C-alpha atoms as a PDB file:
ATOM      1  CA  MET A   1      14.782 -19.734  54.489  1.00  0.00           C
ATOM      2  CA  LYS A   2      12.912 -17.219  52.320  1.00  0.00           C
ATOM      3  CA  ARG A   3      16.260 -15.496  51.652  1.00  0.00           C
ATOM      4  CA  THR A   4      18.159 -18.290  51.104  1.00  0.00           C
ATOM      5  CA  ASN A   5      15.607 -19.300  48.311  1.00  0.00           C
ATOM      6  CA  ALA A   6      15.426 -15.242  46.890  1.00  0.00           C
ATOM      7  CA  ARG A   7      19.357 -15.799  47.168  1.00  0.00           C
ATOM      8  CA  LEU A   8      19.002 -18.661  45.166  1.00  0.00           C
ATOM      9  CA  LEU A   9      17.040 -17.895  42.130  1.00  0.00           C
ATOM     10  CA  GLN A  10      19.047 -14.615  42.275  1.00  0.00           C
ATOM     11  CA  THR A  11      22.406 -17.069  41.593  1.00  0.00           C
ATOM     12  CA  LEU A  12      20.303 -19.426  39.088  1.00  0.00           C
ATOM     13  CA  ASP A  13      19.063 -16.198  36.913  1.00  0.00           C
ATOM     14  CA  HIS A  14      22.814 -15.362  36.538  1.00  0.00           C
ATOM     15  CA  GLU A  15      23.855 -18.498  35.948  1.00  0.00           C
ATOM     16  CA  TYR A  16      21.139 -18.957  33.358  1.00  0.00           C
ATOM     17  CA  ASN A  17      22.629 -15.263  31.627  1.00  0.00           C
ATOM     18  CA  ASP A  18      26.063 -16.151  31.383  1.00  0.00           C
ATOM     19  CA  GLY A  19      25.326 -19.728  29.959  1.00  0.00           C
ATOM     20  CA  ILE A  20      27.067 -21.556  33.080  1.00  0.00           C
ATOM     21  CA  ILE A  21      24.175 -23.792  33.281  1.00  0.00           C
ATOM     22  CA  SER A  22      20.880 -24.709  30.952  1.00  0.00           C
ATOM     23  CA  PRO A  23      18.248 -23.340  31.888  1.00  0.00           C
ATOM     24  CA  PRO A  24      14.772 -25.770  31.995  1.00  0.00           C
ATOM     25  CA  SER A  25      13.507 -27.065  28.712  1.00  0.00           C
ATOM     26  CA  HIS A  26      10.336 -24.501  29.137  1.00  0.00           C
ATOM     27  CA  LYS A  27      12.793 -21.376  28.759  1.00  0.00           C
ATOM     28  CA  ARG A  28      14.867 -22.646  26.310  1.00  0.00           C
ATOM     29  CA  GLN A  29      11.942 -23.335  24.103  1.00  0.00           C
ATOM     30  CA  LYS A  30       9.296 -19.965  24.545  1.00  0.00           C
ATOM     31  CA  TYR A  31       8.075 -20.211  20.795  1.00  0.00           C
ATOM     32  CA  LEU A  32       6.578 -23.201  18.539  1.00  0.00           C
ATOM     33  CA  GLN A  33       9.468 -24.047  16.117  1.00  0.00           C
ATOM     34  CA  ALA A  34       8.179 -23.269  12.488  1.00  0.00           C
ATOM     35  CA  VAL A  35       8.042 -26.846  10.602  1.00  0.00           C
ATOM     36  CA  LYS A  36      10.893 -27.493   7.977  1.00  0.00           C
ATOM     37  CA  LYS A  37      10.001 -26.641   4.221  1.00  0.00           C
ATOM     38  CA  GLU A  38      11.665 -29.962   3.286  1.00  0.00           C
ATOM     39  CA  SER A  39       9.551 -32.385   5.654  1.00  0.00           C
ATOM     40  CA  ILE A  40       6.828 -31.533   3.936  1.00  0.00           C
ATOM     41  CA  ALA A  41       5.742 -33.890   1.413  1.00  0.00           C
ATOM     42  CA  LEU A  42       2.812 -33.400  -1.856  1.00  0.00           C
ATOM     43  CA  ARG A  43       1.047 -36.855  -1.708  1.00  0.00           C
ATOM     44  CA  SER A  44       0.542 -37.169  -5.450  1.00  0.00           C
ATOM     45  CA  ASN A  45       1.081 -35.073  -8.855  1.00  0.00           C
ATOM     46  CA  PHE A  46      -1.669 -33.119 -10.077  1.00  0.00           C
ATOM     47  CA  THR A  47      -2.196 -33.168 -13.940  1.00  0.00           C
ATOM     48  CA  PRO A  48      -5.504 -30.530 -14.761  1.00  0.00           C
ATOM     49  CA  LYS A  49      -8.596 -32.626 -15.941  1.00  0.00           C
ATOM     50  CA  SER A  50     -10.403 -29.515 -18.037  1.00  0.00           C
ATOM     51  CA  ALA A  51      -9.423 -26.981 -20.192  1.00  0.00           C
ATOM     52  CA  GLY A  52     -10.783 -24.604 -17.635  1.00  0.00           C
ATOM     53  CA  GLN A  53      -8.948 -26.418 -14.484  1.00  0.00           C
ATOM     54  CA  GLU A  54      -5.220 -25.661 -16.638  1.00  0.00           C
ATOM     55  CA  TYR A  55      -6.063 -22.301 -17.448  1.00  0.00           C
ATOM     56  CA  TYR A  56      -6.953 -21.410 -14.387  1.00  0.00           C
ATOM     57  CA  LEU A  57      -3.388 -22.828 -12.446  1.00  0.00           C
ATOM     58  CA  SER A  58      -1.739 -21.338 -15.405  1.00  0.00           C
ATOM     59  CA  LEU A  59      -3.117 -17.910 -14.203  1.00  0.00           C
ATOM     60  CA  LEU A  60      -1.687 -18.790 -10.896  1.00  0.00           C
ATOM     61  CA  ASN A  61       1.705 -19.665 -11.992  1.00  0.00           C
ATOM     62  CA  GLU A  62       1.537 -15.720 -13.992  1.00  0.00           C
ATOM     63  CA  CYS A  63      -0.621 -13.627 -11.869  1.00  0.00           C
ATOM     64  CA  SER A  64      -0.480 -12.029  -7.807  1.00  0.00           C
ATOM     65  CA  ILE A  65      -4.145 -12.277  -7.755  1.00  0.00           C
ATOM     66  CA  THR A  66      -6.386 -14.115  -9.286  1.00  0.00           C
ATOM     67  CA  PHE A  67      -9.969 -14.851  -9.460  1.00  0.00           C
ATOM     68  CA  CYS A  68     -11.447 -18.025  -9.934  1.00  0.00           C
ATOM     69  CA  ALA A  69     -15.801 -18.143 -10.833  1.00  0.00           C
ATOM     70  CA  GLY A  70     -17.820 -21.346 -10.961  1.00  0.00           C
ATOM     71  CA  PRO A  71     -20.389 -23.749  -9.923  1.00  0.00           C
ATOM     72  CA  ALA A  72     -19.515 -26.539  -6.940  1.00  0.00           C
ATOM     73  CA  GLY A  73     -17.378 -29.656  -8.298  1.00  0.00           C
ATOM     74  CA  THR A  74     -15.029 -28.049 -10.543  1.00  0.00           C
ATOM     75  CA  GLY A  75     -11.690 -28.106  -8.188  1.00  0.00           C
ATOM     76  CA  LYS A  76     -11.718 -24.432  -7.194  1.00  0.00           C
ATOM     77  CA  THR A  77     -10.630 -24.753  -3.707  1.00  0.00           C
ATOM     78  CA  TRP A  78      -8.834 -28.521  -4.714  1.00  0.00           C
ATOM     79  CA  ILE A  79      -6.892 -26.742  -7.033  1.00  0.00           C
ATOM     80  CA  VAL A  80      -5.688 -22.872  -5.169  1.00  0.00           C
ATOM     81  CA  THR A  81      -4.805 -25.031  -1.664  1.00  0.00           C
ATOM     82  CA  ARG A  82      -2.530 -27.452  -4.140  1.00  0.00           C
ATOM     83  CA  PHE A  83      -0.994 -24.509  -5.173  1.00  0.00           C
ATOM     84  CA  ALA A  84      -0.376 -22.610  -2.001  1.00  0.00           C
ATOM     85  CA  LEU A  85       1.051 -25.359  -0.657  1.00  0.00           C
ATOM     86  CA  GLU A  86       3.781 -25.741  -3.422  1.00  0.00           C
ATOM     87  CA  GLN A  87       4.808 -21.796  -3.005  1.00  0.00           C
ATOM     88  CA  LEU A  88       5.299 -22.192   0.990  1.00  0.00           C
ATOM     89  CA  LEU A  89       6.896 -25.381  -0.045  1.00  0.00           C
ATOM     90  CA  ASN A  90       9.251 -24.062  -2.315  1.00  0.00           C
ATOM     91  CA  HIS A  91       9.651 -20.735   0.084  1.00  0.00           C
ATOM     92  CA  ASN A  92       7.905 -18.248  -2.295  1.00  0.00           C
ATOM     93  CA  VAL A  93       6.023 -17.568   1.088  1.00  0.00           C
ATOM     94  CA  SER A  94       6.243 -17.696   4.538  1.00  0.00           C
ATOM     95  CA  LYS A  95       2.538 -18.782   5.488  1.00  0.00           C
ATOM     96  CA  ILE A  96      -0.859 -19.793   4.057  1.00  0.00           C
ATOM     97  CA  VAL A  97      -3.436 -17.255   4.994  1.00  0.00           C
ATOM     98  CA  VAL A  98      -6.835 -18.664   4.437  1.00  0.00           C
ATOM     99  CA  THR A  99      -9.811 -16.196   4.776  1.00  0.00           C
ATOM    100  CA  LYS A 100     -13.617 -16.615   4.129  1.00  0.00           C
ATOM    101  CA  PRO A 101     -16.886 -14.801   5.613  1.00  0.00           C
ATOM    102  CA  ILE A 102     -18.270 -16.366   7.743  1.00  0.00           C
ATOM    103  CA  LEU A 103     -22.071 -15.806   7.567  1.00  0.00           C
ATOM    104  CA  GLU A 104     -24.613 -17.445  10.084  1.00  0.00           C
ATOM    105  CA  ALA A 105     -27.405 -19.944   9.530  1.00  0.00           C
ATOM    106  CA  GLY A 106     -30.835 -20.841  11.436  1.00  0.00           C
ATOM    107  CA  GLU A 107     -30.269 -20.123  15.362  1.00  0.00           C
ATOM    108  CA  GLU A 108     -27.033 -21.239  15.780  1.00  0.00           C
ATOM    109  CA  GLU A 109     -24.497 -18.250  16.177  1.00  0.00           C
ATOM    110  CA  ILE A 110     -20.988 -18.357  16.013  1.00  0.00           C
ATOM    111  CA  GLY A 111     -20.830 -16.673  19.920  1.00  0.00           C
ATOM    112  CA  PHE A 112     -22.647 -20.159  21.316  1.00  0.00           C
ATOM    113  CA  LEU A 113     -20.374 -22.484  19.529  1.00  0.00           C
ATOM    114  CA  PRO A 114     -17.859 -24.544  22.776  1.00  0.00           C
ATOM    115  CA  GLY A 115     -14.464 -23.945  22.918  1.00  0.00           C
ATOM    116  CA  ASP A 116     -11.916 -20.757  22.265  1.00  0.00           C
ATOM    117  CA  VAL A 117     -11.937 -18.691  18.788  1.00  0.00           C
ATOM    118  CA  ALA A 118     -10.178 -21.030  16.959  1.00  0.00           C
ATOM    119  CA  ASP A 119     -12.270 -23.774  17.930  1.00  0.00           C
ATOM    120  CA  LYS A 120     -15.346 -21.698  16.466  1.00  0.00           C
ATOM    121  CA  ILE A 121     -13.889 -20.587  13.676  1.00  0.00           C
ATOM    122  CA  LEU A 122     -11.935 -24.036  12.509  1.00  0.00           C
ATOM    123  CA  PRO A 123     -15.360 -25.501  11.363  1.00  0.00           C
ATOM    124  CA  HIS A 124     -16.344 -22.575   9.162  1.00  0.00           C
ATOM    125  CA  PHE A 125     -13.054 -23.474   6.827  1.00  0.00           C
ATOM    126  CA  GLN A 126     -13.701 -27.642   7.189  1.00  0.00           C
ATOM    127  CA  SER A 127     -13.760 -27.386   3.281  1.00  0.00           C
ATOM    128  CA  VAL A 128     -11.028 -25.939   2.689  1.00  0.00           C
ATOM    129  CA  LEU A 129      -9.263 -28.025   5.245  1.00  0.00           C
ATOM    130  CA  ASP A 130     -10.199 -31.275   4.021  1.00  0.00           C
ATOM    131  CA  CYS A 131      -8.582 -30.110   0.524  1.00  0.00           C
ATOM    132  CA  ILE A 132      -4.859 -29.375   2.358  1.00  0.00           C
ATOM    133  CA  GLU A 133      -5.449 -32.427   4.122  1.00  0.00           C
ATOM    134  CA  ASP A 134      -6.438 -34.339   1.285  1.00  0.00           C
ATOM    135  CA  HIS A 135      -2.724 -33.100  -0.479  1.00  0.00           C
ATOM    136  CA  ILE A 136      -0.240 -33.548   3.011  1.00  0.00           C
ATOM    137  CA  GLY A 137      -2.193 -35.733   5.330  1.00  0.00           C
ATOM    138  CA  PRO A 138      -3.935 -34.485   8.761  1.00  0.00           C
ATOM    139  CA  THR A 139      -0.464 -34.725  11.252  1.00  0.00           C
ATOM    140  CA  MET A 140       1.148 -32.239   8.933  1.00  0.00           C
ATOM    141  CA  THR A 141      -1.381 -30.105   8.109  1.00  0.00           C
ATOM    142  CA  LYS A 142      -2.237 -30.020  12.095  1.00  0.00           C
ATOM    143  CA  LYS A 143       2.379 -29.335  12.608  1.00  0.00           C
ATOM    144  CA  LEU A 144       1.739 -26.570  10.168  1.00  0.00           C
ATOM    145  CA  LEU A 145      -1.037 -24.900  12.301  1.00  0.00           C
ATOM    146  CA  ASP A 146       0.405 -25.221  15.373  1.00  0.00           C
ATOM    147  CA  SER A 147       3.258 -22.749  14.078  1.00  0.00           C
ATOM    148  CA  HIS A 148       0.858 -20.847  12.220  1.00  0.00           C
ATOM    149  CA  GLN A 149       2.432 -21.503   8.728  1.00  0.00           C
ATOM    150  CA  ILE A 150      -1.580 -22.000   7.976  1.00  0.00           C
ATOM    151  CA  GLU A 151      -3.595 -19.319   9.339  1.00  0.00           C
ATOM    152  CA  PHE A 152      -7.634 -19.286   9.292  1.00  0.00           C
ATOM    153  CA  LEU A 153      -9.382 -15.606   9.381  1.00  0.00           C
ATOM    154  CA  PRO A 154     -12.686 -14.740   9.212  1.00  0.00           C
ATOM    155  CA  THR A 155     -13.115 -11.462   7.615  1.00  0.00           C
ATOM    156  CA  ALA A 156     -13.473  -9.426  10.131  1.00  0.00           C
ATOM    157  CA  TYR A 157     -10.062 -10.236  11.689  1.00  0.00           C
ATOM    158  CA  CYS A 158      -8.462  -9.040   8.522  1.00  0.00           C
ATOM    159  CA  ARG A 159      -9.158  -5.484   8.418  1.00  0.00           C
ATOM    160  CA  GLY A 160      -5.323  -4.161   9.639  1.00  0.00           C
ATOM    161  CA  ARG A 161      -3.956  -6.877   9.043  1.00  0.00           C
ATOM    162  CA  ASN A 162      -0.098  -6.602   6.026  1.00  0.00           C
ATOM    163  CA  LEU A 163      -0.008  -9.639   5.415  1.00  0.00           C
ATOM    164  CA  LYS A 164       3.422  -9.934   3.759  1.00  0.00           C
ATOM    165  CA  ASN A 165       4.961 -12.782   2.231  1.00  0.00           C
ATOM    166  CA  ALA A 166       1.598 -15.123   2.268  1.00  0.00           C
ATOM    167  CA  TYR A 167      -0.093 -16.691   0.196  1.00  0.00           C
ATOM    168  CA  ILE A 168      -3.899 -15.596   0.528  1.00  0.00           C
ATOM    169  CA  LEU A 169      -7.212 -17.238  -0.355  1.00  0.00           C
ATOM    170  CA  ILE A 170      -9.912 -15.924  -0.299  1.00  0.00           C
ATOM    171  CA  ASP A 171     -12.530 -18.490  -0.322  1.00  0.00           C
ATOM    172  CA  GLU A 172     -16.240 -18.055  -0.814  1.00  0.00           C
ATOM    173  CA  ALA A 173     -15.745 -14.796  -1.894  1.00  0.00           C
ATOM    174  CA  GLN A 174     -19.954 -14.340  -3.392  1.00  0.00           C
ATOM    175  CA  ASN A 175     -20.871 -14.247   0.403  1.00  0.00           C
ATOM    176  CA  LEU A 176     -18.925 -10.725   0.689  1.00  0.00           C
ATOM    177  CA  THR A 177     -20.092  -7.427  -0.361  1.00  0.00           C
ATOM    178  CA  ARG A 178     -18.189  -4.703  -2.208  1.00  0.00           C
ATOM    179  CA  LYS A 179     -17.015  -3.545   0.860  1.00  0.00           C
ATOM    180  CA  GLY A 180     -15.354  -6.769   2.664  1.00  0.00           C
ATOM    181  CA  ILE A 181     -13.749  -7.694  -1.037  1.00  0.00           C
ATOM    182  CA  LYS A 182     -12.609  -4.053  -1.505  1.00  0.00           C
ATOM    183  CA  LEU A 183     -11.170  -4.505   1.950  1.00  0.00           C
ATOM    184  CA  LEU A 184      -9.727  -7.725   1.298  1.00  0.00           C
ATOM    185  CA  LEU A 185      -7.970  -7.477  -1.964  1.00  0.00           C
ATOM    186  CA  THR A 186      -5.922  -4.563  -0.385  1.00  0.00           C
ATOM    187  CA  ARG A 187      -4.575  -6.621   2.207  1.00  0.00           C
ATOM    188  CA  ILE A 188      -2.061  -7.809  -0.323  1.00  0.00           C
ATOM    189  CA  ALA A 189       1.655  -6.551   0.594  1.00  0.00           C
ATOM    190  CA  GLU A 190       4.992  -6.972  -0.013  1.00  0.00           C
ATOM    191  CA  GLY A 191       5.860 -10.868  -1.332  1.00  0.00           C
ATOM    192  CA  SER A 192       1.791 -11.300  -0.980  1.00  0.00           C
ATOM    193  CA  LEU A 193      -0.015 -13.787  -4.020  1.00  0.00           C
ATOM    194  CA  MET A 194      -3.645 -14.097  -3.483  1.00  0.00           C
ATOM    195  CA  ALA A 195      -6.173 -15.875  -5.078  1.00  0.00           C
ATOM    196  CA  LEU A 196     -10.442 -15.110  -4.760  1.00  0.00           C
ATOM    197  CA  ASN A 197     -13.034 -18.120  -5.709  1.00  0.00           C
ATOM    198  CA  GLY A 198     -16.489 -18.318  -5.572  1.00  0.00           C
ATOM    199  CA  ASP A 199     -20.179 -19.632  -7.140  1.00  0.00           C
ATOM    200  CA  THR A 200     -21.824 -16.714  -8.123  1.00  0.00           C
ATOM    201  CA  ASP A 201     -24.973 -18.838  -8.405  1.00  0.00           C
ATOM    202  CA  GLN A 202     -24.585 -19.595  -4.273  1.00  0.00           C
ATOM    203  CA  THR A 203     -24.671 -16.387  -2.392  1.00  0.00           C
ATOM    204  CA  ASP A 204     -26.298 -16.739   0.770  1.00  0.00           C
ATOM    205  CA  LEU A 205     -26.096 -12.825   1.116  1.00  0.00           C
ATOM    206  CA  PRO A 206     -30.240 -11.699   2.764  1.00  0.00           C
ATOM    207  CA  ASN A 207     -30.125  -9.914  -0.727  1.00  0.00           C
ATOM    208  CA  PRO A 208     -27.603 -11.637  -3.327  1.00  0.00           C
ATOM    209  CA  GLN A 209     -27.346  -8.102  -5.705  1.00  0.00           C
ATOM    210  CA  ASP A 210     -24.961  -7.181  -2.616  1.00  0.00           C
ATOM    211  CA  SER A 211     -22.428  -9.768  -3.520  1.00  0.00           C
ATOM    212  CA  GLY A 212     -19.419  -7.528  -4.385  1.00  0.00           C
ATOM    213  CA  PHE A 213     -17.404 -10.668  -6.152  1.00  0.00           C
ATOM    214  CA  GLU A 214     -18.827 -10.271  -9.113  1.00  0.00           C
ATOM    215  CA  TRP A 215     -18.590  -6.505  -9.366  1.00  0.00           C
ATOM    216  CA  ALA A 216     -14.757  -6.882  -8.240  1.00  0.00           C
ATOM    217  CA  LEU A 217     -14.519  -9.631 -11.331  1.00  0.00           C
ATOM    218  CA  ASN A 218     -15.588  -7.930 -14.357  1.00  0.00           C
ATOM    219  CA  CYS A 219     -14.040  -4.536 -12.628  1.00  0.00           C
ATOM    220  CA  LEU A 220     -10.280  -5.407 -12.761  1.00  0.00           C
ATOM    221  CA  ALA A 221     -10.789  -8.540 -15.567  1.00  0.00           C
ATOM    222  CA  GLY A 222      -8.136  -6.673 -18.021  1.00  0.00           C
ATOM    223  CA  LYS A 223      -7.040  -3.878 -15.723  1.00  0.00           C
ATOM    224  CA  SER A 224      -3.497  -5.609 -14.678  1.00  0.00           C
ATOM    225  CA  PRO A 225      -1.597  -8.469 -16.584  1.00  0.00           C
ATOM    226  CA  SER A 226      -1.272  -9.091 -12.523  1.00  0.00           C
ATOM    227  CA  ILE A 227      -4.589  -9.756 -11.811  1.00  0.00           C
ATOM    228  CA  GLY A 228      -5.848 -13.063 -13.649  1.00  0.00           C
ATOM    229  CA  VAL A 229      -9.735 -13.999 -14.065  1.00  0.00           C
ATOM    230  CA  ALA A 230     -10.307 -17.748 -14.753  1.00  0.00           C
ATOM    231  CA  GLU A 231     -14.152 -18.805 -15.197  1.00  0.00           C
ATOM    232  CA  LEU A 232     -15.067 -22.654 -15.058  1.00  0.00           C
ATOM    233  CA  ASP A 233     -18.135 -24.062 -16.360  1.00  0.00           C
ATOM    234  CA  TYR A 234     -20.436 -27.750 -15.699  1.00  0.00           C
ATOM    235  CA  GLY A 235     -17.553 -28.875 -18.258  1.00  0.00           C
ATOM    236  CA  ASP A 236     -15.105 -28.464 -15.377  1.00  0.00           C
ATOM    237  CA  ILE A 237     -16.973 -30.797 -12.631  1.00  0.00           C
ATOM    238  CA  GLN A 238     -15.099 -33.286 -11.878  1.00  0.00           C
ATOM    239  CA  ARG A 239     -16.151 -33.693  -8.493  1.00  0.00           C
ATOM    240  CA  HIS A 240     -19.483 -36.287  -9.288  1.00  0.00           C
ATOM    241  CA  PRO A 241     -20.618 -36.627 -12.911  1.00  0.00           C
ATOM    242  CA  LEU A 242     -24.491 -36.033 -11.006  1.00  0.00           C
ATOM    243  CA  ILE A 243     -23.463 -33.175 -10.218  1.00  0.00           C
ATOM    244  CA  GLU A 244     -24.442 -30.950 -13.433  1.00  0.00           C
ATOM    245  CA  THR A 245     -27.428 -32.855 -13.845  1.00  0.00           C
ATOM    246  CA  ILE A 246     -28.812 -31.765 -10.252  1.00  0.00           C
ATOM    247  CA  LEU A 247     -27.064 -27.979 -10.756  1.00  0.00           C
ATOM    248  CA  THR A 248     -28.257 -27.985 -14.633  1.00  0.00           C
ATOM    249  CA  ASN A 249     -32.243 -28.587 -13.130  1.00  0.00           C
ATOM    250  CA  LEU A 250     -32.566 -27.845  -9.817  1.00  0.00           C
ATOM    251  CA  ARG A 251     -32.708 -24.355 -10.790  1.00  0.00           C
END
């Protein structure tokens, strides 16, 4: 019986390789197929609602690396996620890579969160994920995540990566040290674009003076036409009119 089974398996292998019979479905498709760009639809048109937003959008269109500094509610993440999806949709990039420094707060450390690595990481990117879902819906977002056309990475996982043909979004960049921001800026590669968002007033580093975001922004501003810097202010806040009152009085 054992010899018969062995011969049968050997015969099937030859027939699969010679194209005589089709292998089972699990042999035919080993990897997830990329989502066809034609099936991705943005939910609505976007028009900048302030002069600052309009300037930020113009820099995204013109520059390879774009810095955007501004307070909460100015639409930094919403605008850049939409722009990144448009680049994916138009075949200008092959994937979107989102990274941010993950700073542990309180007593709940990332290593003790339930699930695998992806389950531990994704909650830290929920603000970006919410914006992406707002643009294309949760179903299409999941498909792009499953096919690795959208990838979420903590900054520590970016060392040594060569991110070709990607739209690289660095969120919460104010929480990067000078060493960290230098590491990420040098990940840009052939066919890639990069945007860095941050709020200099909301640094979570133990010593806010260690932040490398404003340092890099000031050092690189005006050094190349391919590097743009947008600085939004309270007049660009769109999320809710009370946010300006809150930020002005809670100093």
